[in-house]
Amino acid sequence: MNISIIIVSWNVKEKLRANLQALFPSLDGLKAEVIVVDNNSEDGSRGMIKDEFPEVKLITNKENLGFAKANNQALKIAQGDYILLFNPDMLVFPQTIKRLLSWADNKPEAVVVGCRLETENGTLLPHIRRFPRLSDQLAVVLKLPHIFPHIIDKYLFKNFDYSCAQKVDSIRGACFLINRFAWQNISGTSSPLLDERYFIWFEEVDFCQQVYKNGGEVWYAPITSCVDYVGQSFNQVNVGYKQIYFQDSMLKYFFKWKPRWQYYVLKNTWPLGRLLAKIFS
């Protein structure tokens, strides 16, 4: 099988329908499977899939398991040589998947590949990030960009040239292509699994760190594009819970990848960060 496309969905029925309506025609000529993991949606998403897209392999959860764990449910059964983690609020163009696969076939050292992301108006959606450092994450926690707008420009890679293919630290998990054989060559395991300690946020950054730790590469390739409506599921979560999820994931990332003292600096700064979040929200 050429590709397994995995979509984790929660309460975005209409965006998911549009996603699948665009996706299936683009797979013509490919040996492909589409796996949707529904995280206990209450908007009729599961019924819509069963009625309108019977070819979808549907996994239904009785609770919202988060992004990493839900993806892993599908990753454990995915059969494709390539695996695309694809958000439900995305739209492909007719040649998006084929061009992405063609480019990846000619770049075997690329374990992870991402493409150009656009808004619905066709403008560029910046999404390349450098790996998090203590200084930029402290700035995020303390809401310093509200006062100093350019303080995290380096972290956000504001001067990144989106017109050129290049090796990068990490790409947005909304359209995240994994070369299964390249992953197996560097890791020794056939199933590329996400770290389930993250409920939401930092999962893709963590996976990119794993890729580099094992000697692989992550690439951005502007040979094709897709539309990203950005966070339609997560926009339903109130600001307080978003802060809790973000804090939890950031601390877990630093506990895993950074010196322990950096983790404790962030942990002790977050109470002030939550207070500032209420002020600036």
Protein backbone atom coordinates (compact mmCIF):
# COMPACT_ATOMS: atom_id res chain seq x y z
CA MET A 1 0.00 0.00 0.00
CA ASN A 2 1.36 3.44 -0.97
CA ILE A 3 -0.06 5.54 1.84
CA SER A 4 -2.15 5.45 5.00
CA ILE A 5 -3.87 8.74 5.83
CA ILE A 6 -4.79 9.16 9.48
CA ILE A 7 -7.29 11.79 10.61
CA VAL A 8 -8.05 12.37 14.29
CA SER A 9 -11.37 14.20 14.59
CA TRP A 10 -13.42 15.81 17.34
CA ASN A 11 -16.68 17.67 16.71
CA VAL A 12 -15.84 19.12 13.26
CA LYS A 13 -18.32 17.20 11.11
CA GLU A 14 -18.66 19.72 8.29
CA LYS A 15 -14.92 20.37 7.97
CA LEU A 16 -14.29 16.61 8.08
CA ARG A 17 -16.87 16.01 5.36
CA ALA A 18 -15.24 18.63 3.12
CA ASN A 19 -11.82 17.13 3.88
CA LEU A 20 -12.89 13.63 2.80
CA GLN A 21 -14.76 14.91 -0.24
CA ALA A 22 -11.55 16.49 -1.52
CA LEU A 23 -9.25 13.73 -0.30
CA PHE A 24 -10.68 10.62 -1.97
CA PRO A 25 -10.58 11.92 -5.59
CA SER A 26 -6.95 12.96 -5.04
CA LEU A 27 -6.05 9.33 -4.22
CA ASP A 28 -7.10 8.01 -7.63
CA GLY A 29 -4.39 5.67 -8.92
CA LEU A 30 -2.83 5.16 -5.50
CA LYS A 31 -3.14 2.19 -3.20
CA ALA A 32 -4.35 4.07 -0.17
CA GLU A 33 -6.33 3.75 3.02
CA VAL A 34 -7.99 6.46 5.08
CA ILE A 35 -8.33 5.88 8.81
CA VAL A 36 -10.43 8.27 10.87
CA VAL A 37 -10.18 8.14 14.65
CA ASP A 38 -13.18 9.84 16.23
CA ASN A 39 -12.46 11.15 19.74
CA ASN A 40 -16.04 10.85 21.04
CA SER A 41 -17.61 13.53 18.84
CA GLU A 42 -21.15 14.59 19.69
CA ASP A 43 -21.99 16.31 16.38
CA GLY A 44 -22.92 13.28 14.25
CA SER A 45 -19.47 12.84 12.74
CA ARG A 46 -19.47 9.06 13.10
CA GLY A 47 -22.86 8.65 11.45
CA MET A 48 -21.83 10.94 8.61
CA ILE A 49 -18.71 8.86 7.93
CA LYS A 50 -20.62 5.58 7.99
CA ASP A 51 -23.33 6.91 5.67
CA GLU A 52 -21.25 8.92 3.20
CA PHE A 53 -17.74 7.41 3.30
CA PRO A 54 -18.06 3.66 3.92
CA GLU A 55 -14.53 3.15 2.58
CA VAL A 56 -13.11 4.92 5.62
CA LYS A 57 -11.70 2.70 8.35
CA LEU A 58 -13.38 4.23 11.39
CA ILE A 59 -12.11 3.92 14.95
CA THR A 60 -14.53 5.29 17.56
CA ASN A 61 -13.46 6.22 21.06
CA LYS A 62 -15.76 6.55 24.06
CA GLU A 63 -13.76 9.52 25.33
CA ASN A 64 -11.43 12.15 23.94
CA LEU A 65 -8.03 10.45 24.13
CA GLY A 66 -6.08 13.41 22.76
CA PHE A 67 -4.03 13.72 19.59
CA ALA A 68 -1.09 11.40 20.27
CA LYS A 69 -2.96 8.41 21.67
CA ALA A 70 -5.66 8.56 18.99
CA ASN A 71 -3.07 8.71 16.21
CA ASN A 72 -1.27 5.75 17.73
CA GLN A 73 -4.45 3.69 17.56
CA ALA A 74 -4.39 4.12 13.79
CA LEU A 75 -0.61 3.93 13.42
CA LYS A 76 -0.66 0.43 14.91
CA ILE A 77 -2.90 -0.85 12.09
CA ALA A 78 -1.74 1.38 9.22
CA GLN A 79 -0.36 -0.57 6.24
CA GLY A 80 1.06 2.18 4.03
CA ASP A 81 4.69 2.67 3.04
CA TYR A 82 4.00 6.31 3.87
CA ILE A 83 1.81 7.56 6.69
CA LEU A 84 0.20 10.98 6.57
CA LEU A 85 -1.06 12.50 9.81
CA PHE A 86 -3.71 14.88 8.53
CA ASN A 87 -5.96 17.21 10.51
CA PRO A 88 -9.72 17.09 9.88
CA ASP A 89 -9.86 20.82 9.09
CA MET A 90 -7.57 20.50 6.05
CA LEU A 91 -8.26 20.48 2.31
CA VAL A 92 -6.03 18.90 -0.32
CA PHE A 93 -5.79 19.99 -3.94
CA PRO A 94 -6.11 17.31 -6.67
CA GLN A 95 -2.34 16.66 -6.90
CA THR A 96 -1.30 17.35 -3.29
CA ILE A 97 -0.82 13.75 -2.14
CA LYS A 98 0.78 12.48 -5.34
CA ARG A 99 3.29 15.33 -5.53
CA LEU A 100 4.17 14.91 -1.87
CA LEU A 101 4.78 11.18 -2.32
CA SER A 102 6.79 11.72 -5.50
CA TRP A 103 9.09 14.20 -3.77
CA ALA A 104 9.51 11.96 -0.72
CA ASP A 105 10.37 8.97 -2.93
CA ASN A 106 13.36 10.93 -4.20
CA LYS A 107 14.46 12.00 -0.70
CA PRO A 108 14.94 8.72 1.22
CA GLU A 109 16.84 10.42 4.03
CA ALA A 110 13.72 12.46 4.87
CA VAL A 111 11.84 10.64 7.61
CA VAL A 112 9.27 13.44 7.92
CA VAL A 113 8.11 15.75 5.13
CA GLY A 114 5.77 18.73 5.21
CA CYS A 115 4.47 20.96 2.42
CA ARG A 116 3.27 24.53 1.98
CA LEU A 117 0.18 25.35 4.06
CA GLU A 118 -2.25 28.05 2.98
CA THR A 119 -5.22 29.89 4.40
CA GLU A 120 -8.55 29.54 2.61
CA ASN A 121 -7.66 32.79 0.78
CA GLY A 122 -4.51 31.23 -0.63
CA THR A 123 -2.02 33.17 1.49
CA LEU A 124 0.94 31.46 3.11
CA LEU A 125 0.46 30.03 6.60
CA PRO A 126 3.87 30.09 8.33
CA HIS A 127 4.41 26.85 10.24
CA ILE A 128 8.12 26.05 10.37
CA ARG A 129 9.54 26.29 13.88
CA ARG A 130 12.94 25.88 15.46
CA PHE A 131 13.15 23.50 18.39
CA PRO A 132 12.01 25.20 21.61
CA ARG A 133 14.61 26.78 23.88
CA LEU A 134 14.18 27.97 27.44
CA SER A 135 14.46 31.66 26.51
CA ASP A 136 11.74 31.64 23.87
CA GLN A 137 9.38 29.47 25.92
CA LEU A 138 9.78 31.75 28.93
CA ALA A 139 8.87 34.64 26.63
CA VAL A 140 5.76 32.74 25.53
CA VAL A 141 4.75 31.89 29.10
CA LEU A 142 5.24 35.47 30.31
CA LYS A 143 3.37 36.92 27.28
CA LEU A 144 6.38 39.07 26.38
CA PRO A 145 5.49 39.19 22.65
CA HIS A 146 2.59 41.47 23.68
CA ILE A 147 5.24 44.01 24.74
CA PHE A 148 8.18 43.05 22.51
CA PRO A 149 6.63 41.77 19.24
CA HIS A 150 9.88 40.40 17.79
CA ILE A 151 11.21 38.63 20.86
CA ILE A 152 10.41 35.12 19.57
CA ASP A 153 11.06 35.77 15.87
CA LYS A 154 13.98 33.34 15.89
CA TYR A 155 11.86 30.55 17.41
CA LEU A 156 9.06 31.25 14.93
CA PHE A 157 11.64 31.31 12.11
CA LYS A 158 10.23 34.56 10.76
CA ASN A 159 12.93 34.79 8.06
CA PHE A 160 12.32 31.25 6.75
CA ASP A 161 12.22 31.04 2.95
CA TYR A 162 9.07 29.08 2.14
CA SER A 163 9.94 29.00 -1.56
CA CYS A 164 12.86 26.56 -1.08
CA ALA A 165 12.98 22.92 -0.01
CA GLN A 166 15.21 22.57 3.04
CA LYS A 167 15.93 20.56 6.16
CA VAL A 168 14.18 21.99 9.23
CA ASP A 169 13.79 21.30 12.94
CA SER A 170 10.04 20.66 12.93
CA ILE A 171 6.92 21.06 10.84
CA ARG A 172 3.28 21.54 11.78
CA GLY A 173 1.50 18.28 12.60
CA ALA A 174 -1.52 19.22 10.48
CA CYS A 175 0.06 17.66 7.37
CA PHE A 176 2.85 15.39 8.58
CA LEU A 177 4.15 12.75 6.16
CA ILE A 178 6.22 9.92 7.64
CA ASN A 179 8.33 7.58 5.50
CA ARG A 180 7.83 4.26 7.28
CA PHE A 181 10.95 2.61 5.84
CA ALA A 182 13.15 5.62 6.60
CA TRP A 183 11.82 5.59 10.17
CA GLN A 184 12.45 1.85 10.49
CA ASN A 185 16.00 2.26 9.18
CA ILE A 186 16.92 4.75 11.89
CA SER A 187 14.84 3.42 14.78
CA GLY A 188 14.56 -0.32 14.20
CA THR A 189 10.78 -0.24 14.66
CA SER A 190 8.15 -0.38 11.91
CA SER A 191 5.44 1.64 13.67
CA PRO A 192 6.28 5.33 14.21
CA LEU A 193 4.37 6.12 17.39
CA LEU A 194 3.81 9.47 19.07
CA ASP A 195 4.58 9.99 22.76
CA GLU A 196 1.23 9.52 24.52
CA ARG A 197 2.27 11.64 27.47
CA TYR A 198 1.18 14.64 25.39
CA PHE A 199 -2.58 15.16 25.19
CA ILE A 200 -2.34 18.05 22.74
CA TRP A 201 0.59 20.25 21.58
CA PHE A 202 4.30 19.38 21.25
CA GLU A 203 3.64 15.83 19.91
CA GLU A 204 5.01 16.58 16.45
CA VAL A 205 7.94 18.55 17.85
CA ASP A 206 8.75 15.60 20.11
CA PHE A 207 8.58 13.20 17.16
CA CYS A 208 10.92 15.41 15.11
CA GLN A 209 13.33 15.39 18.05
CA GLN A 210 13.17 11.60 18.02
CA VAL A 211 13.95 11.60 14.30
CA TYR A 212 17.08 13.69 14.75
CA LYS A 213 18.13 11.79 17.87
CA ASN A 214 18.14 8.62 15.75
CA GLY A 215 20.04 10.19 12.85
CA GLY A 216 17.16 11.03 10.51
CA GLU A 217 16.02 14.27 8.89
CA VAL A 218 12.89 16.45 8.71
CA TRP A 219 12.20 18.36 5.49
CA TYR A 220 9.95 21.12 4.22
CA ALA A 221 9.12 20.83 0.50
CA PRO A 222 7.07 23.53 -1.29
CA ILE A 223 6.31 21.24 -4.23
CA THR A 224 2.63 21.17 -3.30
CA SER A 225 0.20 22.72 -0.83
CA CYS A 226 -3.04 22.27 1.06
CA VAL A 227 -5.48 24.51 2.91
CA ASP A 228 -5.33 24.63 6.70
CA TYR A 229 -8.29 26.09 8.58
CA VAL A 230 -6.22 25.93 11.80
CA GLY A 231 -7.53 24.54 15.05
CA GLN A 232 -11.24 24.12 14.35
CA SER A 233 -11.51 21.37 16.96
CA PHE A 234 -9.39 23.06 19.58
CA ASN A 235 -11.16 26.40 19.15
CA GLN A 236 -14.06 24.78 21.01
CA VAL A 237 -11.97 24.51 24.18
CA ASN A 238 -12.07 27.46 26.57
CA VAL A 239 -8.95 29.53 27.19
CA GLY A 240 -8.39 28.16 30.68
CA TYR A 241 -8.20 24.57 29.53
CA LYS A 242 -6.00 25.54 26.58
CA GLN A 243 -3.52 27.04 29.02
CA ILE A 244 -3.58 23.86 31.13
CA TYR A 245 -2.96 21.61 28.11
CA PHE A 246 -0.23 23.90 26.77
CA GLN A 247 1.52 24.12 30.12
CA ASP A 248 1.34 20.37 30.64
CA SER A 249 2.81 19.59 27.23
CA MET A 250 5.53 22.21 27.40
CA LEU A 251 6.71 20.94 30.80
CA LYS A 252 6.68 17.33 29.62
CA TYR A 253 8.73 18.28 26.57
CA PHE A 254 11.35 20.08 28.68
CA PHE A 255 11.42 17.27 31.26
CA LYS A 256 12.16 14.80 28.46
CA TRP A 257 14.58 16.73 26.25
CA LYS A 258 16.23 19.49 28.28
CA PRO A 259 18.40 19.76 31.42
CA ARG A 260 16.27 19.30 34.51
CA TRP A 261 16.96 22.82 35.79
CA GLN A 262 15.26 24.27 32.72
CA TYR A 263 12.15 22.22 33.45
CA TYR A 264 12.02 23.60 37.00
CA VAL A 265 12.51 27.19 35.83
CA LEU A 266 9.53 26.84 33.52
CA LYS A 267 7.44 25.02 36.09
CA ASN A 268 7.95 27.78 38.64
CA THR A 269 7.21 30.49 36.08
CA TRP A 270 3.89 29.08 34.89
CA PRO A 271 1.73 30.37 37.81
CA LEU A 272 2.62 33.90 36.77
CA GLY A 273 2.08 32.92 33.15
CA ARG A 274 -1.49 31.76 33.85
CA LEU A 275 -2.24 35.03 35.62
CA LEU A 276 -0.90 37.01 32.66
CA ALA A 277 -2.95 34.84 30.28
CA LYS A 278 -6.12 35.99 32.07
CA ILE A 279 -5.02 39.60 31.76
CA PHE A 280 -4.23 39.43 28.05
CA SER A 281 -7.12 37.13 27.03
